[in-house]
PDB file of N, CA and C in Angstrom:
ATOM      1  N   MET A   1      -9.156  35.471 -72.758  1.00  0.00           N
ATOM      2  CA  MET A   1      -8.021  35.775 -73.622  1.00  0.00           C
ATOM      3  C   MET A   1      -6.732  35.532 -72.861  1.00  0.00           C
ATOM      4  N   ALA A   2      -5.704  35.128 -73.577  1.00  0.00           N
ATOM      5  CA  ALA A   2      -4.405  34.840 -72.961  1.00  0.00           C
ATOM      6  C   ALA A   2      -3.775  36.123 -72.431  1.00  0.00           C
ATOM      7  N   ASN A   3      -3.226  36.047 -71.216  1.00  0.00           N
ATOM      8  CA  ASN A   3      -2.660  37.233 -70.576  1.00  0.00           C
ATOM      9  C   ASN A   3      -1.157  37.329 -70.728  1.00  0.00           C
ATOM     10  N   THR A   4      -0.461  36.214 -70.743  1.00  0.00           N
ATOM     11  CA  THR A   4       1.002  36.254 -70.815  1.00  0.00           C
ATOM     12  C   THR A   4       1.462  35.980 -72.245  1.00  0.00           C
ATOM     13  N   ALA A   5       2.699  36.346 -72.509  1.00  0.00           N
ATOM     14  CA  ALA A   5       3.272  36.119 -73.835  1.00  0.00           C
ATOM     15  C   ALA A   5       3.302  34.629 -74.140  1.00  0.00           C
ATOM     16  N   GLN A   6       3.621  33.825 -73.131  1.00  0.00           N
ATOM     17  CA  GLN A   6       3.670  32.373 -73.309  1.00  0.00           C
ATOM     18  C   GLN A   6       2.292  31.823 -73.682  1.00  0.00           C
ATOM     19  N   ALA A   7       1.267  32.321 -72.989  1.00  0.00           N
ATOM     20  CA  ALA A   7      -0.086  31.836 -73.250  1.00  0.00           C
ATOM     21  C   ALA A   7      -0.561  32.261 -74.641  1.00  0.00           C
ATOM     22  N   ARG A   8      -0.172  33.480 -75.059  1.00  0.00           N
ATOM     23  CA  ARG A   8      -0.541  33.937 -76.401  1.00  0.00           C
ATOM     24  C   ARG A   8       0.110  33.064 -77.466  1.00  0.00           C
ATOM     25  N   LYS A   9       1.384  32.733 -77.248  1.00  0.00           N
ATOM     26  CA  LYS A   9       2.095  31.887 -78.210  1.00  0.00           C
ATOM     27  C   LYS A   9       1.456  30.500 -78.263  1.00  0.00           C
ATOM     28  N   ARG A  10       1.133  29.923 -77.099  1.00  0.00           N
ATOM     29  CA  ARG A  10       0.515  28.599 -77.072  1.00  0.00           C
ATOM     30  C   ARG A  10      -0.840  28.629 -77.796  1.00  0.00           C
ATOM     31  N   ALA A  11      -1.575  29.734 -77.662  1.00  0.00           N
ATOM     32  CA  ALA A  11      -2.861  29.860 -78.351  1.00  0.00           C
ATOM     33  C   ALA A  11      -2.652  29.879 -79.863  1.00  0.00           C
ATOM     34  N   ARG A  12      -1.621  30.586 -80.326  1.00  0.00           N
ATOM     35  CA  ARG A  12      -1.294  30.622 -81.757  1.00  0.00           C
ATOM     36  C   ARG A  12      -0.913  29.224 -82.246  1.00  0.00           C
ATOM     37  N   GLN A  13      -0.082  28.542 -81.458  1.00  0.00           N
ATOM     38  CA  GLN A  13       0.361  27.202 -81.846  1.00  0.00           C
ATOM     39  C   GLN A  13      -0.811  26.228 -81.880  1.00  0.00           C
ATOM     40  N   ALA A  14      -1.734  26.392 -80.937  1.00  0.00           N
ATOM     41  CA  ALA A  14      -2.889  25.491 -80.870  1.00  0.00           C
ATOM     42  C   ALA A  14      -3.753  25.617 -82.118  1.00  0.00           C
ATOM     43  N   VAL A  15      -3.879  26.838 -82.627  1.00  0.00           N
ATOM     44  CA  VAL A  15      -4.674  27.050 -83.839  1.00  0.00           C
ATOM     45  C   VAL A  15      -4.029  26.335 -85.018  1.00  0.00           C
ATOM     46  N   LYS A  16      -2.713  26.460 -85.154  1.00  0.00           N
ATOM     47  CA  LYS A  16      -2.002  25.811 -86.253  1.00  0.00           C
ATOM     48  C   LYS A  16      -2.082  24.284 -86.131  1.00  0.00           C
ATOM     49  N   GLN A  17      -1.897  23.773 -84.921  1.00  0.00           N
ATOM     50  CA  GLN A  17      -1.928  22.326 -84.700  1.00  0.00           C
ATOM     51  C   GLN A  17      -3.318  21.755 -84.954  1.00  0.00           C
ATOM     52  N   ARG A  18      -4.331  22.522 -84.572  1.00  0.00           N
ATOM     53  CA  ARG A  18      -5.712  22.072 -84.783  1.00  0.00           C
ATOM     54  C   ARG A  18      -6.007  21.958 -86.271  1.00  0.00           C
ATOM     55  N   ALA A  19      -5.534  22.925 -87.053  1.00  0.00           N
ATOM     56  CA  ALA A  19      -5.731  22.887 -88.504  1.00  0.00           C
ATOM     57  C   ALA A  19      -5.017  21.677 -89.118  1.00  0.00           C
ATOM     58  N   HIS A  20      -3.819  21.397 -88.630  1.00  0.00           N
ATOM     59  CA  HIS A  20      -3.049  20.255 -89.130  1.00  0.00           C
ATOM     60  C   HIS A  20      -3.746  18.944 -88.788  1.00  0.00           C
ATOM     61  N   ASN A  21      -4.226  18.832 -87.545  1.00  0.00           N
ATOM     62  CA  ASN A  21      -4.929  17.625 -87.117  1.00  0.00           C
ATOM     63  C   ASN A  21      -6.217  17.437 -87.916  1.00  0.00           C
ATOM     64  N   ALA A  22      -6.924  18.537 -88.204  1.00  0.00           N
ATOM     65  CA  ALA A  22      -8.159  18.452 -88.979  1.00  0.00           C
ATOM     66  C   ALA A  22      -7.866  17.933 -90.380  1.00  0.00           C
ATOM     67  N   SER A  23      -6.747  18.363 -90.952  1.00  0.00           N
ATOM     68  CA  SER A  23      -6.341  17.903 -92.272  1.00  0.00           C
ATOM     69  C   SER A  23      -6.070  16.402 -92.265  1.00  0.00           C
ATOM     70  N   LEU A  24      -5.372  15.930 -91.244  1.00  0.00           N
ATOM     71  CA  LEU A  24      -5.075  14.501 -91.137  1.00  0.00           C
ATOM     72  C   LEU A  24      -6.349  13.682 -90.930  1.00  0.00           C
ATOM     73  N   ARG A  25      -7.265  14.218 -90.120  1.00  0.00           N
ATOM     74  CA  ARG A  25      -8.531  13.528 -89.870  1.00  0.00           C
ATOM     75  C   ARG A  25      -9.329  13.413 -91.169  1.00  0.00           C
ATOM     76  N   SER A  26      -9.282  14.463 -91.980  1.00  0.00           N
ATOM     77  CA  SER A  26      -9.955  14.450 -93.270  1.00  0.00           C
ATOM     78  C   SER A  26      -9.344  13.390 -94.188  1.00  0.00           C
ATOM     79  N   THR A  27      -8.022  13.286 -94.164  1.00  0.00           N
ATOM     80  CA  THR A  27      -7.323  12.268 -94.955  1.00  0.00           C
ATOM     81  C   THR A  27      -7.766  10.868 -94.532  1.00  0.00           C
ATOM     82  N   LEU A  28      -7.902  10.672 -93.233  1.00  0.00           N
ATOM     83  CA  LEU A  28      -8.357   9.386 -92.705  1.00  0.00           C
ATOM     84  C   LEU A  28      -9.746   9.048 -93.220  1.00  0.00           C
ATOM     85  N   ARG A  29     -10.654  10.004 -93.131  1.00  0.00           N
ATOM     86  CA  ARG A  29     -12.032   9.764 -93.562  1.00  0.00           C
ATOM     87  C   ARG A  29     -12.092   9.451 -95.056  1.00  0.00           C
ATOM     88  N   THR A  30     -11.264  10.154 -95.829  1.00  0.00           N
ATOM     89  CA  THR A  30     -11.213   9.906 -97.271  1.00  0.00           C
ATOM     90  C   THR A  30     -10.725   8.492 -97.555  1.00  0.00           C
ATOM     91  N   ALA A  31      -9.695   8.055 -96.821  1.00  0.00           N
ATOM     92  CA  ALA A  31      -9.149   6.706 -97.016  1.00  0.00           C
ATOM     93  C   ALA A  31     -10.210   5.654 -96.712  1.00  0.00           C
ATOM     94  N   ILE A  32     -10.958   5.860 -95.640  1.00  0.00           N
ATOM     95  CA  ILE A  32     -12.008   4.908 -95.260  1.00  0.00           C
ATOM     96  C   ILE A  32     -13.109   4.887 -96.317  1.00  0.00           C
ATOM     97  N   LYS A  33     -13.471   6.077 -96.817  1.00  0.00           N
ATOM     98  CA  LYS A  33     -14.518   6.163 -97.832  1.00  0.00           C
ATOM     99  C   LYS A  33     -14.113   5.459 -99.122  1.00  0.00           C
ATOM    100  N   LYS A  34     -12.836   5.523 -99.479  1.00  0.00           N
ATOM    101  CA  LYS A  34     -12.360   4.857-100.698  1.00  0.00           C
ATOM    102  C   LYS A  34     -12.581   3.344-100.595  1.00  0.00           C
ATOM    103  N   ILE A  35     -12.302   2.797 -99.416  1.00  0.00           N
ATOM    104  CA  ILE A  35     -12.484   1.355 -99.223  1.00  0.00           C
ATOM    105  C   ILE A  35     -13.966   1.004 -99.263  1.00  0.00           C
ATOM    106  N   ILE A  36     -14.782   1.791 -98.575  1.00  0.00           N
ATOM    107  CA  ILE A  36     -16.222   1.528 -98.528  1.00  0.00           C
ATOM    108  C   ILE A  36     -16.827   1.613 -99.933  1.00  0.00           C
ATOM    109  N   LYS A  37     -16.378   2.592-100.705  1.00  0.00           N
ATOM    110  CA  LYS A  37     -16.884   2.765-102.068  1.00  0.00           C
ATOM    111  C   LYS A  37     -16.544   1.542-102.928  1.00  0.00           C
ATOM    112  N   ALA A  38     -15.326   1.020-102.758  1.00  0.00           N
ATOM    113  CA  ALA A  38     -14.912  -0.161-103.513  1.00  0.00           C
ATOM    114  C   ALA A  38     -15.736  -1.386-103.098  1.00  0.00           C
ATOM    115  N   VAL A  39     -16.044  -1.499-101.809  1.00  0.00           N
ATOM    116  CA  VAL A  39     -16.851  -2.626-101.321  1.00  0.00           C
ATOM    117  C   VAL A  39     -18.266  -2.531-101.882  1.00  0.00           C
ATOM    118  N   GLU A  40     -18.827  -1.326-101.860  1.00  0.00           N
ATOM    119  CA  GLU A  40     -20.197  -1.149-102.342  1.00  0.00           C
ATOM    120  C   GLU A  40     -20.310  -1.360-103.847  1.00  0.00           C
ATOM    121  N   ALA A  41     -19.208  -1.144-104.565  1.00  0.00           N
ATOM    122  CA  ALA A  41     -19.211  -1.377-106.015  1.00  0.00           C
ATOM    123  C   ALA A  41     -19.298  -2.870-106.324  1.00  0.00           C
ATOM    124  N   GLY A  42     -18.923  -3.713-105.371  1.00  0.00           N
ATOM    125  CA  GLY A  42     -19.056  -5.151-105.537  1.00  0.00           C
ATOM    126  C   GLY A  42     -17.847  -5.829-106.148  1.00  0.00           C
ATOM    127  N   ASP A  43     -16.777  -5.083-106.375  1.00  0.00           N
ATOM    128  CA  ASP A  43     -15.560  -5.653-106.969  1.00  0.00           C
ATOM    129  C   ASP A  43     -14.591  -6.012-105.850  1.00  0.00           C
ATOM    130  N   LYS A  44     -14.484  -7.295-105.547  1.00  0.00           N
ATOM    131  CA  LYS A  44     -13.660  -7.738-104.422  1.00  0.00           C
ATOM    132  C   LYS A  44     -12.184  -7.425-104.643  1.00  0.00           C
ATOM    133  N   GLY A  45     -11.697  -7.602-105.853  1.00  0.00           N
ATOM    134  CA  GLY A  45     -10.290  -7.317-106.155  1.00  0.00           C
ATOM    135  C   GLY A  45      -9.949  -5.857-105.940  1.00  0.00           C
ATOM    136  N   ALA A  46     -10.820  -4.976-106.428  1.00  0.00           N
ATOM    137  CA  ALA A  46     -10.602  -3.537-106.255  1.00  0.00           C
ATOM    138  C   ALA A  46     -10.684  -3.148-104.782  1.00  0.00           C
ATOM    139  N   ALA A  47     -11.590  -3.802-104.067  1.00  0.00           N
ATOM    140  CA  ALA A  47     -11.742  -3.517-102.636  1.00  0.00           C
ATOM    141  C   ALA A  47     -10.485  -3.927-101.871  1.00  0.00           C
ATOM    142  N   GLN A  48      -9.912  -5.087-102.232  1.00  0.00           N
ATOM    143  CA  GLN A  48      -8.685  -5.526-101.563  1.00  0.00           C
ATOM    144  C   GLN A  48      -7.518  -4.594-101.865  1.00  0.00           C
ATOM    145  N   VAL A  49      -7.427  -4.116-103.091  1.00  0.00           N
ATOM    146  CA  VAL A  49      -6.370  -3.169-103.464  1.00  0.00           C
ATOM    147  C   VAL A  49      -6.548  -1.865-102.688  1.00  0.00           C
ATOM    148  N   ALA A  50      -7.779  -1.361-102.631  1.00  0.00           N
ATOM    149  CA  ALA A  50      -8.057  -0.124-101.901  1.00  0.00           C
ATOM    150  C   ALA A  50      -7.728  -0.300-100.423  1.00  0.00           C
ATOM    151  N   TYR A  51      -8.066  -1.471 -99.873  1.00  0.00           N
ATOM    152  CA  TYR A  51      -7.776  -1.744 -98.460  1.00  0.00           C
ATOM    153  C   TYR A  51      -6.276  -1.729 -98.202  1.00  0.00           C
ATOM    154  N   SER A  52      -5.518  -2.451 -99.034  1.00  0.00           N
ATOM    155  CA  SER A  52      -4.076  -2.537 -98.803  1.00  0.00           C
ATOM    156  C   SER A  52      -3.391  -1.183 -98.978  1.00  0.00           C
ATOM    157  N   GLU A  53      -3.910  -0.334 -99.871  1.00  0.00           N
ATOM    158  CA  GLU A  53      -3.325   0.991-100.073  1.00  0.00           C
ATOM    159  C   GLU A  53      -3.626   1.928 -98.908  1.00  0.00           C
ATOM    160  N   ASN A  54      -4.792   1.775 -98.301  1.00  0.00           N
ATOM    161  CA  ASN A  54      -5.230   2.752 -97.309  1.00  0.00           C
ATOM    162  C   ASN A  54      -5.025   2.322 -95.864  1.00  0.00           C
ATOM    163  N   VAL A  55      -4.640   1.072 -95.629  1.00  0.00           N
ATOM    164  CA  VAL A  55      -4.352   0.629 -94.262  1.00  0.00           C
ATOM    165  C   VAL A  55      -3.174   1.421 -93.681  1.00  0.00           C
ATOM    166  N   SER A  56      -2.175   1.677 -94.510  1.00  0.00           N
ATOM    167  CA  SER A  56      -1.010   2.424 -94.028  1.00  0.00           C
ATOM    168  C   SER A  56      -1.398   3.847 -93.631  1.00  0.00           C
ATOM    169  N   VAL A  57      -2.373   4.432 -94.333  1.00  0.00           N
ATOM    170  CA  VAL A  57      -2.850   5.775 -93.992  1.00  0.00           C
ATOM    171  C   VAL A  57      -3.507   5.748 -92.614  1.00  0.00           C
ATOM    172  N   ILE A  58      -4.341   4.750 -92.383  1.00  0.00           N
ATOM    173  CA  ILE A  58      -5.025   4.623 -91.092  1.00  0.00           C
ATOM    174  C   ILE A  58      -4.003   4.440 -89.971  1.00  0.00           C
ATOM    175  N   ASP A  59      -3.017   3.565 -90.195  1.00  0.00           N
ATOM    176  CA  ASP A  59      -1.993   3.323 -89.174  1.00  0.00           C
ATOM    177  C   ASP A  59      -1.162   4.577 -88.901  1.00  0.00           C
ATOM    178  N   ARG A  60      -0.815   5.285 -89.952  1.00  0.00           N
ATOM    179  CA  ARG A  60       0.017   6.481 -89.801  1.00  0.00           C
ATOM    180  C   ARG A  60      -0.690   7.539 -88.951  1.00  0.00           C
ATOM    181  N   ILE A  61      -1.990   7.707 -89.183  1.00  0.00           N
ATOM    182  CA  ILE A  61      -2.753   8.704 -88.434  1.00  0.00           C
ATOM    183  C   ILE A  61      -2.936   8.260 -86.987  1.00  0.00           C
ATOM    184  N   ALA A  62      -3.059   6.958 -86.761  1.00  0.00           N
ATOM    185  CA  ALA A  62      -3.146   6.447 -85.391  1.00  0.00           C
ATOM    186  C   ALA A  62      -1.813   6.640 -84.669  1.00  0.00           C
ATOM    187  N   ASP A  63      -0.699   6.458 -85.381  1.00  0.00           N
ATOM    188  CA  ASP A  63       0.623   6.650 -84.773  1.00  0.00           C
ATOM    189  C   ASP A  63       0.837   8.093 -84.323  1.00  0.00           C
ATOM    190  N   LYS A  64       0.187   9.021 -85.010  1.00  0.00           N
ATOM    191  CA  LYS A  64       0.317  10.439 -84.663  1.00  0.00           C
ATOM    192  C   LYS A  64      -0.695  10.866 -83.602  1.00  0.00           C
ATOM    193  N   ASN A  65      -1.437   9.891 -83.065  1.00  0.00           N
ATOM    194  CA  ASN A  65      -2.433  10.130 -82.012  1.00  0.00           C
ATOM    195  C   ASN A  65      -3.563  11.061 -82.443  1.00  0.00           C
ATOM    196  N   ILE A  66      -3.874  11.071 -83.737  1.00  0.00           N
ATOM    197  CA  ILE A  66      -5.039  11.810 -84.206  1.00  0.00           C
ATOM    198  C   ILE A  66      -6.288  11.011 -83.837  1.00  0.00           C
ATOM    199  N   ILE A  67      -6.193   9.685 -83.966  1.00  0.00           N
ATOM    200  CA  ILE A  67      -7.218   8.794 -83.443  1.00  0.00           C
ATOM    201  C   ILE A  67      -6.504   7.750 -82.582  1.00  0.00           C
ATOM    202  N   HIS A  68      -7.243   7.116 -81.694  1.00  0.00           N
ATOM    203  CA  HIS A  68      -6.675   6.099 -80.820  1.00  0.00           C
ATOM    204  C   HIS A  68      -6.339   4.854 -81.628  1.00  0.00           C
ATOM    205  N   LYS A  69      -5.302   4.156 -81.220  1.00  0.00           N
ATOM    206  CA  LYS A  69      -4.878   2.952 -81.956  1.00  0.00           C
ATOM    207  C   LYS A  69      -5.964   1.881 -81.985  1.00  0.00           C
ATOM    208  N   ASN A  70      -6.773   1.804 -80.926  1.00  0.00           N
ATOM    209  CA  ASN A  70      -7.861   0.819 -80.920  1.00  0.00           C
ATOM    210  C   ASN A  70      -8.946   1.181 -81.929  1.00  0.00           C
ATOM    211  N   LYS A  71      -9.186   2.481 -82.106  1.00  0.00           N
ATOM    212  CA  LYS A  71     -10.169   2.918 -83.101  1.00  0.00           C
ATOM    213  C   LYS A  71      -9.677   2.575 -84.499  1.00  0.00           C
ATOM    214  N   ALA A  72      -8.385   2.766 -84.736  1.00  0.00           N
ATOM    215  CA  ALA A  72      -7.807   2.412 -86.035  1.00  0.00           C
ATOM    216  C   ALA A  72      -7.950   0.913 -86.277  1.00  0.00           C
ATOM    217  N   ALA A  73      -7.664   0.120 -85.257  1.00  0.00           N
ATOM    218  CA  ALA A  73      -7.768  -1.335 -85.372  1.00  0.00           C
ATOM    219  C   ALA A  73      -9.212  -1.745 -85.641  1.00  0.00           C
ATOM    220  N   ARG A  74     -10.148  -1.077 -84.997  1.00  0.00           N
ATOM    221  CA  ARG A  74     -11.577  -1.379 -85.187  1.00  0.00           C
ATOM    222  C   ARG A  74     -11.998  -1.077 -86.624  1.00  0.00           C
ATOM    223  N   HIS A  75     -11.572   0.083 -87.148  1.00  0.00           N
ATOM    224  CA  HIS A  75     -11.889   0.431 -88.533  1.00  0.00           C
ATOM    225  C   HIS A  75     -11.325  -0.613 -89.495  1.00  0.00           C
ATOM    226  N   LYS A  76     -10.058  -0.960 -89.308  1.00  0.00           N
ATOM    227  CA  LYS A  76      -9.409  -1.923 -90.202  1.00  0.00           C
ATOM    228  C   LYS A  76     -10.119  -3.276 -90.138  1.00  0.00           C
ATOM    229  N   SER A  77     -10.478  -3.705 -88.941  1.00  0.00           N
ATOM    230  CA  SER A  77     -11.133  -4.994 -88.763  1.00  0.00           C
ATOM    231  C   SER A  77     -12.487  -5.028 -89.461  1.00  0.00           C
ATOM    232  N   ARG A  78     -13.270  -3.983 -89.280  1.00  0.00           N
ATOM    233  CA  ARG A  78     -14.603  -3.945 -89.874  1.00  0.00           C
ATOM    234  C   ARG A  78     -14.530  -3.852 -91.397  1.00  0.00           C
ATOM    235  N   LEU A  79     -13.577  -3.048 -91.898  1.00  0.00           N
ATOM    236  CA  LEU A  79     -13.427  -2.932 -93.346  1.00  0.00           C
ATOM    237  C   LEU A  79     -12.984  -4.259 -93.952  1.00  0.00           C
ATOM    238  N   ASN A  80     -12.029  -4.917 -93.291  1.00  0.00           N
ATOM    239  CA  ASN A  80     -11.547  -6.212 -93.778  1.00  0.00           C
ATOM    240  C   ASN A  80     -12.663  -7.255 -93.735  1.00  0.00           C
ATOM    241  N   ALA A  81     -13.474  -7.219 -92.683  1.00  0.00           N
ATOM    242  CA  ALA A  81     -14.589  -8.164 -92.575  1.00  0.00           C
ATOM    243  C   ALA A  81     -15.606  -7.929 -93.689  1.00  0.00           C
ATOM    244  N   SER A  82     -15.825  -6.669 -94.040  1.00  0.00           N
ATOM    245  CA  SER A  82     -16.785  -6.380 -95.113  1.00  0.00           C
ATOM    246  C   SER A  82     -16.259  -6.856 -96.457  1.00  0.00           C
ATOM    247  N   ILE A  83     -14.944  -6.815 -96.637  1.00  0.00           N
ATOM    248  CA  ILE A  83     -14.334  -7.321 -97.882  1.00  0.00           C
ATOM    249  C   ILE A  83     -14.452  -8.842 -97.934  1.00  0.00           C
ATOM    250  N   LYS A  84     -14.152  -9.497 -96.817  1.00  0.00           N
ATOM    251  CA  LYS A  84     -14.235 -10.960 -96.771  1.00  0.00           C
ATOM    252  C   LYS A  84     -15.650 -11.463 -96.951  1.00  0.00           C
ATOM    253  N   ALA A  85     -16.635 -10.667 -96.544  1.00  0.00           N
ATOM    254  CA  ALA A  85     -18.042 -11.083 -96.641  1.00  0.00           C
ATOM    255  C   ALA A  85     -18.561 -10.989 -98.072  1.00  0.00           C
ATOM    256  N   MET A  86     -17.790 -10.350 -98.955  1.00  0.00           N
ATOM    257  CA  MET A  86     -18.234 -10.224-100.350  1.00  0.00           C
ATOM    258  C   MET A  86     -18.236 -11.591-101.026  1.00  0.00           C
ATOM    259  N   ALA A  87     -19.191 -11.791-101.913  1.00  0.00           N
ATOM    260  CA  ALA A  87     -19.311 -13.097-102.595  1.00  0.00           C
ATOM    261  C   ALA A  87     -18.208 -13.299-103.617  1.00  0.00           C
TER     262      ALA A  87
END
């Protein structure tokens, strides 16, 4: 347990920040799922629209260091490749 007033405050702040980060991470996962769902539906046009709408979400979360920028780039690359591979 935190012994000093400063440590207690940092512990309180850490709880709030963790909840905020978890919310952003959830938003990221939802954005990725929307694209995957559109790809699995087989509609290339809808998949491209979903991709273009959700790329900014992925980038925004990477900018906030919730995920590493390389991980964001990897997700975007794989999702885009799956869209391009559609017939």
